[in-house]
Amino acid sequence: MATAKQAILKIKVNDVLQEILLAINADNIKVGDVTLTQKLASILTDTDTKISAAIDALIGGAPETYDTLKEISDYISTHADAAEAISAMATANKTALDALRTKVETLETSGHTHANKTVLDDITEEKIQAWDSKSRVYVSATEPADLKNGDLWFQVIE
């Protein structure tokens, strides 16, 4: 067991300064419900666990051959052609993405029309609800004999 350090506690009681000699070590100092030794051990264990978890997350399951920045740097240095190819692919993808973005922005600002725009514009919420409320739907070249009020018939024209 480690030897205890000594300390002098000075306290003034009833205008008289009193000195109390204390024997201090980490096992007789309490931090909450635990000794200082236990608290420090807990802090160190918790810190080690957090550091290990952070390192594991950073490595992310990389193989041992490439789990340090130095190993990755060495690999890139010896495979510069692969790094250039990756860079070229990234540049090409960015160029294609920029071209697509330009097309979309042009569509948004120029408007978009259809040959049958007037037909589409004539479709109203009232008509949609009327269509949705039909009880039967027919598709034929001639009118069905049993067509009733509320039924929907699409005439096929050849």
Protein backbone atom coordinates (compact mmCIF):
# COMPACT_ATOMS: atom_id res chain seq x y z
CA MET A 1 0.00 0.00 0.00
CA ALA A 2 1.27 3.43 -0.92
CA THR A 3 2.22 5.78 1.85
CA ALA A 4 -0.23 8.53 2.54
CA LYS A 5 0.67 12.12 1.92
CA GLN A 6 0.15 14.45 4.81
CA ALA A 7 -1.70 17.71 4.72
CA ILE A 8 -2.51 20.34 7.27
CA LEU A 9 -6.07 21.58 7.32
CA LYS A 10 -6.45 24.94 8.97
CA ILE A 11 -9.89 25.94 10.18
CA LYS A 12 -11.00 28.87 12.25
CA VAL A 13 -13.55 28.00 14.93
CA ASN A 14 -14.75 30.59 17.43
CA ASP A 15 -12.01 32.97 16.30
CA VAL A 16 -9.34 30.35 17.06
CA LEU A 17 -7.28 28.97 14.19
CA GLN A 18 -7.05 25.19 14.51
CA GLU A 19 -4.69 22.92 12.61
CA ILE A 20 -5.62 19.35 11.79
CA LEU A 21 -3.06 16.94 10.37
CA LEU A 22 -4.56 14.72 7.67
CA ALA A 23 -3.18 11.56 6.12
CA ILE A 24 -4.23 11.69 2.47
CA ASN A 25 -4.12 9.05 -0.24
CA ALA A 26 -6.37 8.20 -3.16
CA ASP A 27 -8.11 5.44 -1.20
CA ASN A 28 -9.41 7.66 1.58
CA ILE A 29 -10.65 10.57 -0.57
CA LYS A 30 -14.23 10.16 -1.71
CA VAL A 31 -15.67 11.44 -4.98
CA GLY A 32 -19.37 10.96 -4.53
CA ASP A 33 -19.84 7.37 -3.36
CA VAL A 34 -16.50 6.03 -4.62
CA THR A 35 -12.86 6.56 -3.72
CA LEU A 36 -10.62 8.75 -5.82
CA THR A 37 -8.73 5.63 -6.98
CA GLN A 38 -11.97 4.02 -8.20
CA LYS A 39 -13.12 7.22 -9.91
CA LEU A 40 -9.80 7.67 -11.73
CA ALA A 41 -9.85 4.01 -12.84
CA SER A 42 -13.40 4.46 -14.12
CA ILE A 43 -12.46 7.62 -16.04
CA LEU A 44 -9.44 5.90 -17.62
CA THR A 45 -11.48 2.83 -18.61
CA ASP A 46 -14.26 5.00 -20.07
CA THR A 47 -11.72 7.11 -21.97
CA ASP A 48 -9.95 4.01 -23.33
CA THR A 49 -13.30 2.60 -24.48
CA LYS A 50 -14.26 5.85 -26.24
CA ILE A 51 -10.85 6.15 -27.91
CA SER A 52 -11.00 2.52 -29.09
CA ALA A 53 -14.51 3.04 -30.48
CA ALA A 54 -13.42 6.21 -32.30
CA ILE A 55 -10.42 4.44 -33.82
CA ASP A 56 -12.59 1.48 -34.88
CA ALA A 57 -15.07 3.86 -36.51
CA LEU A 58 -12.25 5.67 -38.31
CA ILE A 59 -10.76 2.41 -39.61
CA GLY A 60 -14.24 1.23 -40.56
CA GLY A 61 -13.30 -2.40 -41.11
CA ALA A 62 -10.37 -1.63 -43.43
CA PRO A 63 -7.98 -4.54 -43.87
CA GLU A 64 -4.94 -4.46 -41.58
CA THR A 65 -2.75 -3.68 -44.60
CA TYR A 66 -4.48 -0.30 -45.07
CA ASP A 67 -5.70 0.67 -41.61
CA THR A 68 -3.30 3.60 -41.06
CA LEU A 69 -2.90 6.86 -42.93
CA LYS A 70 0.74 5.97 -43.63
CA GLU A 71 -0.24 2.68 -45.31
CA ILE A 72 -2.89 4.44 -47.40
CA SER A 73 -0.41 7.17 -48.37
CA ASP A 74 2.21 4.58 -49.38
CA TYR A 75 -0.36 2.73 -51.49
CA ILE A 76 -1.45 5.92 -53.27
CA SER A 77 2.17 6.88 -53.92
CA THR A 78 2.93 3.52 -55.51
CA HIS A 79 -0.34 3.46 -57.48
CA ALA A 80 -0.47 7.02 -58.80
CA ASP A 81 -2.03 5.83 -62.07
CA ALA A 82 -5.05 4.46 -60.17
CA ALA A 83 -5.41 7.73 -58.25
CA GLU A 84 -5.32 9.65 -61.56
CA ALA A 85 -7.98 7.34 -63.02
CA ILE A 86 -10.23 7.90 -59.99
CA SER A 87 -9.69 11.65 -60.29
CA ALA A 88 -10.55 11.53 -64.01
CA MET A 89 -13.75 9.57 -63.28
CA ALA A 90 -14.73 12.11 -60.62
CA THR A 91 -14.14 14.96 -63.08
CA ALA A 92 -16.17 13.18 -65.80
CA ASN A 93 -19.01 12.51 -63.37
CA LYS A 94 -19.01 16.14 -62.27
CA THR A 95 -19.11 17.29 -65.89
CA ALA A 96 -22.05 14.98 -66.64
CA LEU A 97 -23.84 16.10 -63.48
CA ASP A 98 -23.31 19.77 -64.36
CA ALA A 99 -24.73 19.16 -67.86
CA LEU A 100 -27.80 17.44 -66.38
CA ARG A 101 -28.26 20.28 -63.89
CA THR A 102 -28.18 22.78 -66.77
CA LYS A 103 -30.85 20.80 -68.67
CA VAL A 104 -33.12 20.65 -65.63
CA GLU A 105 -32.69 24.35 -64.90
CA THR A 106 -33.46 25.15 -68.56
CA LEU A 107 -36.67 23.10 -68.36
CA GLU A 108 -37.70 24.89 -65.19
CA THR A 109 -37.19 28.35 -66.66
CA SER A 110 -38.40 27.74 -70.23
CA GLY A 111 -41.60 25.95 -69.34
CA HIS A 112 -42.76 22.63 -70.65
CA THR A 113 -45.59 22.05 -73.13
CA HIS A 114 -47.39 19.11 -74.72
CA ALA A 115 -49.04 18.80 -78.12
CA ASN A 116 -52.29 18.04 -76.28
CA LYS A 117 -51.88 20.85 -73.73
CA THR A 118 -55.44 22.17 -74.27
CA VAL A 119 -56.87 18.72 -73.53
CA LEU A 120 -54.75 18.42 -70.39
CA ASP A 121 -55.67 21.94 -69.28
CA ASP A 122 -59.36 21.04 -69.67
CA ILE A 123 -59.08 18.23 -67.13
CA THR A 124 -60.53 19.69 -63.96
CA GLU A 125 -60.93 18.37 -60.45
CA GLU A 126 -64.67 18.17 -61.10
CA LYS A 127 -64.13 15.92 -64.13
CA ILE A 128 -61.66 13.73 -62.27
CA GLN A 129 -64.13 13.19 -59.44
CA ALA A 130 -66.87 12.42 -61.96
CA TRP A 131 -64.63 9.83 -63.62
CA ASP A 132 -63.65 8.32 -60.28
CA SER A 133 -67.29 7.95 -59.28
CA LYS A 134 -68.26 5.77 -62.26
CA SER A 135 -69.48 2.35 -61.24
CA ARG A 136 -68.44 0.33 -64.33
CA VAL A 137 -65.89 0.90 -67.06
CA TYR A 138 -66.34 -0.41 -70.62
CA VAL A 139 -63.85 -0.49 -73.47
CA SER A 140 -65.39 -1.43 -76.82
CA ALA A 141 -65.98 -0.25 -80.37
CA THR A 142 -69.79 -0.11 -79.90
CA GLU A 143 -71.88 1.19 -77.08
CA PRO A 144 -72.65 -1.53 -74.50
CA ALA A 145 -76.31 -2.52 -74.34
CA ASP A 146 -76.38 -2.31 -70.56
CA LEU A 147 -74.65 1.11 -70.24
CA LYS A 148 -76.24 2.89 -67.30
CA ASN A 149 -76.07 6.34 -65.84
CA GLY A 150 -72.75 6.68 -63.98
CA ASP A 151 -70.93 4.06 -66.10
CA LEU A 152 -67.81 4.98 -68.08
CA TRP A 153 -67.39 3.82 -71.69
CA PHE A 154 -64.23 4.20 -73.76
CA GLN A 155 -65.00 3.80 -77.43
CA VAL A 156 -62.21 2.13 -79.38
CA ILE A 157 -61.88 3.64 -82.82
CA GLU A 158 -59.99 1.62 -85.38
